[in-house]
Amino acid sequence: MNIRLSRHETNELILRLEERKYGRRFNSMELAQKADLPLDDINRLEKQLPIEDPQAVERLAKILGVSSDLLARIAGWQEIPMEQVNQIYQCASEPIGESSPDCLRLGMRPTPWA
């Protein structure tokens, strides 16, 4: 069965991804600055509203250390198989350089991005 993540789940995963990659959690403004995007795009992400600019989505995905496809599922823009939800939480807890093959298949990026 496929589901869409709740806003709470989306925001929790974003925070975990920030911690995974940078060792700390960002507020919305810091994430916008890190991604070089308008704060409105970060607010849209946090509210599970689509971001129309594919380059902005890719930039956000890169900053969070995931593929744009995985970001779409985390952001609630696309459905996700229920069995992948726990796997995403587990993968988001792994250090950035230590992604397992299962996490890489999900769309986690194995190396840090500047």
N, C-alpha and C. Protein backbone atom coordinates (compact mmCIF):
# COMPACT_ATOMS: atom_id res chain seq x y z
N MET A 1 0.84 -1.18 0.00
CA MET A 1 0.00 0.00 0.00
C MET A 1 0.89 1.25 0.00
N ASN A 2 0.50 2.22 -0.79
CA ASN A 2 1.24 3.48 -0.86
C ASN A 2 0.56 4.54 -0.01
N ILE A 3 1.38 5.42 0.57
CA ILE A 3 0.86 6.50 1.41
C ILE A 3 1.59 7.79 1.06
N ARG A 4 1.11 8.88 1.60
CA ARG A 4 1.83 10.16 1.56
C ARG A 4 2.21 10.47 3.00
N LEU A 5 3.43 10.95 3.20
CA LEU A 5 3.87 11.29 4.54
C LEU A 5 3.10 12.50 5.05
N SER A 6 2.92 12.55 6.35
CA SER A 6 2.29 13.72 6.98
C SER A 6 3.28 14.87 7.01
N ARG A 7 2.78 16.07 7.28
CA ARG A 7 3.68 17.23 7.41
C ARG A 7 4.71 17.00 8.51
N HIS A 8 4.25 16.44 9.61
CA HIS A 8 5.16 16.16 10.72
C HIS A 8 6.28 15.21 10.27
N GLU A 9 5.92 14.15 9.57
CA GLU A 9 6.93 13.19 9.09
C GLU A 9 7.89 13.86 8.11
N THR A 10 7.34 14.68 7.21
CA THR A 10 8.19 15.39 6.26
C THR A 10 9.20 16.26 6.99
N ASN A 11 8.74 17.05 7.92
CA ASN A 11 9.64 17.97 8.63
C ASN A 11 10.65 17.23 9.50
N GLU A 12 10.24 16.14 10.10
CA GLU A 12 11.16 15.34 10.90
C GLU A 12 12.26 14.75 10.02
N LEU A 13 11.89 14.26 8.86
CA LEU A 13 12.89 13.70 7.96
C LEU A 13 13.84 14.76 7.42
N ILE A 14 13.34 15.94 7.12
CA ILE A 14 14.20 17.03 6.67
C ILE A 14 15.24 17.34 7.74
N LEU A 15 14.80 17.43 8.99
CA LEU A 15 15.73 17.70 10.09
C LEU A 15 16.76 16.58 10.23
N ARG A 16 16.33 15.34 10.09
CA ARG A 16 17.26 14.21 10.19
C ARG A 16 18.28 14.24 9.05
N LEU A 17 17.82 14.62 7.86
CA LEU A 17 18.73 14.70 6.73
C LEU A 17 19.77 15.81 6.93
N GLU A 18 19.33 16.93 7.49
CA GLU A 18 20.28 18.01 7.79
C GLU A 18 21.32 17.54 8.80
N GLU A 19 20.86 16.86 9.83
CA GLU A 19 21.77 16.34 10.85
C GLU A 19 22.73 15.31 10.26
N ARG A 20 22.20 14.47 9.40
CA ARG A 20 23.02 13.43 8.76
C ARG A 20 24.15 14.06 7.97
N LYS A 21 23.84 15.10 7.24
CA LYS A 21 24.83 15.69 6.34
C LYS A 21 25.72 16.73 7.01
N TYR A 22 25.13 17.53 7.88
CA TYR A 22 25.87 18.67 8.44
C TYR A 22 26.14 18.57 9.93
N GLY A 23 25.58 17.55 10.58
CA GLY A 23 25.80 17.40 12.00
C GLY A 23 24.96 18.34 12.85
N ARG A 24 24.02 19.03 12.25
CA ARG A 24 23.15 19.94 13.00
C ARG A 24 21.87 20.17 12.19
N ARG A 25 20.88 20.69 12.89
CA ARG A 25 19.61 21.02 12.26
C ARG A 25 19.57 22.51 11.95
N PHE A 26 18.96 22.85 10.83
CA PHE A 26 18.84 24.24 10.42
C PHE A 26 17.43 24.76 10.66
N ASN A 27 17.31 26.07 10.85
CA ASN A 27 15.97 26.65 10.78
C ASN A 27 15.70 26.92 9.30
N SER A 28 14.49 27.33 9.00
CA SER A 28 14.08 27.51 7.60
C SER A 28 14.95 28.50 6.86
N MET A 29 15.29 29.60 7.50
CA MET A 29 16.12 30.63 6.86
C MET A 29 17.51 30.09 6.56
N GLU A 30 18.09 29.35 7.51
CA GLU A 30 19.42 28.79 7.29
C GLU A 30 19.41 27.80 6.12
N LEU A 31 18.36 26.98 6.04
CA LEU A 31 18.26 26.02 4.94
C LEU A 31 18.12 26.76 3.61
N ALA A 32 17.32 27.82 3.59
CA ALA A 32 17.16 28.62 2.37
C ALA A 32 18.50 29.21 1.94
N GLN A 33 19.26 29.73 2.89
CA GLN A 33 20.57 30.29 2.58
C GLN A 33 21.53 29.22 2.08
N LYS A 34 21.51 28.07 2.75
CA LYS A 34 22.40 26.97 2.36
C LYS A 34 22.10 26.50 0.93
N ALA A 35 20.82 26.46 0.57
CA ALA A 35 20.41 26.01 -0.76
C ALA A 35 20.40 27.14 -1.78
N ASP A 36 20.63 28.37 -1.32
CA ASP A 36 20.56 29.55 -2.18
C ASP A 36 19.20 29.63 -2.87
N LEU A 37 18.16 29.49 -2.04
CA LEU A 37 16.78 29.54 -2.53
C LEU A 37 15.99 30.53 -1.71
N PRO A 38 14.88 31.03 -2.26
CA PRO A 38 14.04 31.91 -1.46
C PRO A 38 13.41 31.15 -0.29
N LEU A 39 13.20 31.84 0.80
CA LEU A 39 12.56 31.25 1.97
C LEU A 39 11.21 30.65 1.61
N ASP A 40 10.52 31.25 0.65
CA ASP A 40 9.21 30.74 0.21
C ASP A 40 9.31 29.29 -0.26
N ASP A 41 10.39 28.93 -0.95
CA ASP A 41 10.55 27.54 -1.40
C ASP A 41 10.69 26.59 -0.22
N ILE A 42 11.41 27.00 0.80
CA ILE A 42 11.57 26.16 2.00
C ILE A 42 10.23 26.03 2.72
N ASN A 43 9.50 27.13 2.82
CA ASN A 43 8.18 27.09 3.44
C ASN A 43 7.24 26.17 2.67
N ARG A 44 7.33 26.20 1.35
CA ARG A 44 6.50 25.30 0.53
C ARG A 44 6.87 23.84 0.81
N LEU A 45 8.15 23.56 0.89
CA LEU A 45 8.60 22.21 1.20
C LEU A 45 8.04 21.75 2.55
N GLU A 46 8.16 22.60 3.56
CA GLU A 46 7.71 22.25 4.91
C GLU A 46 6.20 22.07 4.99
N LYS A 47 5.47 22.75 4.11
CA LYS A 47 4.01 22.63 4.08
C LYS A 47 3.53 21.60 3.06
N GLN A 48 4.47 20.90 2.45
CA GLN A 48 4.19 19.87 1.46
C GLN A 48 3.51 20.43 0.21
N LEU A 49 3.81 21.67 -0.10
CA LEU A 49 3.29 22.28 -1.32
C LEU A 49 4.34 22.14 -2.41
N PRO A 50 3.93 21.89 -3.65
CA PRO A 50 4.91 21.68 -4.72
C PRO A 50 5.76 22.92 -4.97
N ILE A 51 6.99 22.67 -5.35
CA ILE A 51 7.90 23.71 -5.82
C ILE A 51 7.99 23.52 -7.32
N GLU A 52 7.57 24.53 -8.06
CA GLU A 52 7.44 24.40 -9.52
C GLU A 52 8.78 24.36 -10.26
N ASP A 53 9.79 25.00 -9.74
CA ASP A 53 11.08 25.09 -10.42
C ASP A 53 11.89 23.82 -10.20
N PRO A 54 12.10 22.99 -11.24
CA PRO A 54 12.85 21.75 -11.07
C PRO A 54 14.29 21.98 -10.61
N GLN A 55 14.88 23.10 -10.98
CA GLN A 55 16.24 23.40 -10.53
C GLN A 55 16.27 23.66 -9.03
N ALA A 56 15.23 24.31 -8.51
CA ALA A 56 15.15 24.54 -7.07
C ALA A 56 14.98 23.22 -6.33
N VAL A 57 14.17 22.32 -6.87
CA VAL A 57 13.98 21.00 -6.25
C VAL A 57 15.30 20.24 -6.23
N GLU A 58 16.01 20.28 -7.34
CA GLU A 58 17.30 19.57 -7.41
C GLU A 58 18.31 20.18 -6.45
N ARG A 59 18.33 21.49 -6.33
CA ARG A 59 19.25 22.16 -5.40
C ARG A 59 18.93 21.75 -3.96
N LEU A 60 17.66 21.73 -3.62
CA LEU A 60 17.25 21.32 -2.27
C LEU A 60 17.63 19.86 -2.01
N ALA A 61 17.37 19.00 -2.98
CA ALA A 61 17.72 17.59 -2.83
C ALA A 61 19.22 17.43 -2.61
N LYS A 62 19.99 18.15 -3.37
CA LYS A 62 21.45 18.07 -3.26
C LYS A 62 21.91 18.52 -1.87
N ILE A 63 21.34 19.61 -1.38
CA ILE A 63 21.70 20.14 -0.07
C ILE A 63 21.35 19.14 1.04
N LEU A 64 20.24 18.40 0.85
CA LEU A 64 19.80 17.43 1.86
C LEU A 64 20.44 16.06 1.69
N GLY A 65 21.16 15.86 0.59
CA GLY A 65 21.85 14.59 0.39
C GLY A 65 20.97 13.47 -0.12
N VAL A 66 19.94 13.82 -0.90
CA VAL A 66 19.03 12.82 -1.47
C VAL A 66 18.79 13.12 -2.94
N SER A 67 18.22 12.17 -3.66
CA SER A 67 17.84 12.41 -5.05
C SER A 67 16.56 13.26 -5.07
N SER A 68 16.30 13.90 -6.19
CA SER A 68 15.07 14.69 -6.30
C SER A 68 13.84 13.79 -6.22
N ASP A 69 13.94 12.54 -6.70
CA ASP A 69 12.81 11.60 -6.59
C ASP A 69 12.51 11.27 -5.13
N LEU A 70 13.55 11.02 -4.35
CA LEU A 70 13.34 10.73 -2.93
C LEU A 70 12.80 11.97 -2.21
N LEU A 71 13.30 13.14 -2.57
CA LEU A 71 12.78 14.37 -1.96
C LEU A 71 11.28 14.51 -2.23
N ALA A 72 10.84 14.18 -3.43
CA ALA A 72 9.42 14.27 -3.76
C ALA A 72 8.57 13.36 -2.87
N ARG A 73 9.10 12.20 -2.53
CA ARG A 73 8.37 11.29 -1.64
C ARG A 73 8.42 11.79 -0.20
N ILE A 74 9.59 12.29 0.23
CA ILE A 74 9.71 12.81 1.59
C ILE A 74 8.83 14.04 1.77
N ALA A 75 8.75 14.87 0.74
CA ALA A 75 7.97 16.11 0.80
C ALA A 75 6.47 15.87 0.68
N GLY A 76 6.05 14.63 0.46
CA GLY A 76 4.63 14.35 0.34
C GLY A 76 4.05 14.72 -1.02
N TRP A 77 4.93 15.00 -1.98
CA TRP A 77 4.45 15.34 -3.32
C TRP A 77 4.09 14.08 -4.10
N GLN A 78 4.67 12.97 -3.70
CA GLN A 78 4.39 11.68 -4.33
C GLN A 78 4.13 10.65 -3.24
N GLU A 79 3.39 9.62 -3.61
CA GLU A 79 3.15 8.53 -2.67
C GLU A 79 4.42 7.70 -2.53
N ILE A 80 4.46 6.98 -1.42
CA ILE A 80 5.61 6.13 -1.12
C ILE A 80 5.08 4.80 -0.58
N PRO A 81 5.69 3.68 -0.98
CA PRO A 81 5.28 2.41 -0.40
C PRO A 81 5.52 2.43 1.12
N MET A 82 4.55 1.94 1.87
CA MET A 82 4.65 1.96 3.33
C MET A 82 5.92 1.30 3.84
N GLU A 83 6.34 0.22 3.18
CA GLU A 83 7.52 -0.48 3.67
C GLU A 83 8.80 0.35 3.52
N GLN A 84 8.77 1.37 2.67
CA GLN A 84 9.95 2.22 2.51
C GLN A 84 10.06 3.32 3.58
N VAL A 85 8.97 3.62 4.25
CA VAL A 85 8.98 4.71 5.23
C VAL A 85 9.99 4.44 6.34
N ASN A 86 9.92 3.27 6.96
CA ASN A 86 10.88 2.94 8.03
C ASN A 86 12.30 2.89 7.49
N GLN A 87 12.45 2.42 6.25
CA GLN A 87 13.78 2.36 5.65
C GLN A 87 14.35 3.77 5.46
N ILE A 88 13.51 4.71 5.08
CA ILE A 88 13.97 6.09 4.91
C ILE A 88 14.43 6.66 6.26
N TYR A 89 13.64 6.42 7.31
CA TYR A 89 14.05 6.89 8.64
C TYR A 89 15.39 6.28 9.03
N GLN A 90 15.55 5.00 8.78
CA GLN A 90 16.81 4.34 9.13
C GLN A 90 17.96 4.92 8.31
N CYS A 91 17.75 5.11 7.02
CA CYS A 91 18.80 5.64 6.16
C CYS A 91 19.16 7.08 6.55
N ALA A 92 18.18 7.84 6.97
CA ALA A 92 18.43 9.23 7.37
C ALA A 92 19.27 9.30 8.64
N SER A 93 19.37 8.19 9.34
CA SER A 93 20.18 8.15 10.57
C SER A 93 21.62 7.71 10.31
N GLU A 94 21.90 7.21 9.10
CA GLU A 94 23.26 6.78 8.77
C GLU A 94 24.13 7.99 8.45
N PRO A 95 25.40 7.94 8.80
CA PRO A 95 26.31 9.03 8.41
C PRO A 95 26.37 9.14 6.88
N ILE A 96 26.57 10.33 6.38
CA ILE A 96 26.51 10.61 4.95
C ILE A 96 27.45 9.73 4.12
N GLY A 97 28.62 9.44 4.59
CA GLY A 97 29.55 8.64 3.81
C GLY A 97 29.34 7.15 3.92
N GLU A 98 28.35 6.72 4.70
CA GLU A 98 28.17 5.30 4.97
C GLU A 98 26.83 4.78 4.53
N SER A 99 26.31 5.23 3.41
CA SER A 99 25.01 4.78 2.93
C SER A 99 25.08 3.32 2.49
N SER A 100 24.16 2.51 3.00
CA SER A 100 24.09 1.11 2.61
C SER A 100 23.54 1.01 1.19
N PRO A 101 23.73 -0.13 0.53
CA PRO A 101 23.19 -0.29 -0.82
C PRO A 101 21.67 -0.06 -0.88
N ASP A 102 20.95 -0.49 0.15
CA ASP A 102 19.50 -0.26 0.18
C ASP A 102 19.18 1.23 0.22
N CYS A 103 19.96 1.98 0.97
CA CYS A 103 19.74 3.43 1.06
C CYS A 103 20.08 4.11 -0.25
N LEU A 104 21.12 3.66 -0.90
CA LEU A 104 21.48 4.22 -2.20
C LEU A 104 20.37 3.96 -3.22
N ARG A 105 19.77 2.76 -3.18
CA ARG A 105 18.66 2.44 -4.08
C ARG A 105 17.45 3.33 -3.83
N LEU A 106 17.27 3.72 -2.57
CA LEU A 106 16.15 4.62 -2.23
C LEU A 106 16.37 6.02 -2.78
N GLY A 107 17.62 6.43 -2.90
CA GLY A 107 17.92 7.76 -3.39
C GLY A 107 18.76 8.60 -2.46
N MET A 108 19.36 7.98 -1.43
CA MET A 108 20.28 8.70 -0.56
C MET A 108 21.57 8.91 -1.35
N ARG A 109 22.18 10.06 -1.18
CA ARG A 109 23.44 10.33 -1.87
C ARG A 109 24.59 9.95 -0.95
N PRO A 110 25.59 9.25 -1.50
CA PRO A 110 26.66 8.72 -0.65
C PRO A 110 27.72 9.71 -0.22
N THR A 111 27.85 10.84 -0.90
CA THR A 111 28.91 11.76 -0.56
C THR A 111 28.35 13.15 -0.28
N PRO A 112 29.04 13.92 0.56
CA PRO A 112 28.56 15.26 0.86
C PRO A 112 28.64 16.17 -0.36
N TRP A 113 27.74 17.12 -0.39
CA TRP A 113 27.72 18.12 -1.46
C TRP A 113 27.98 19.48 -0.83
N ALA A 114 28.75 20.29 -1.48
CA ALA A 114 29.02 21.64 -0.96
C ALA A 114 27.81 22.53 -1.10
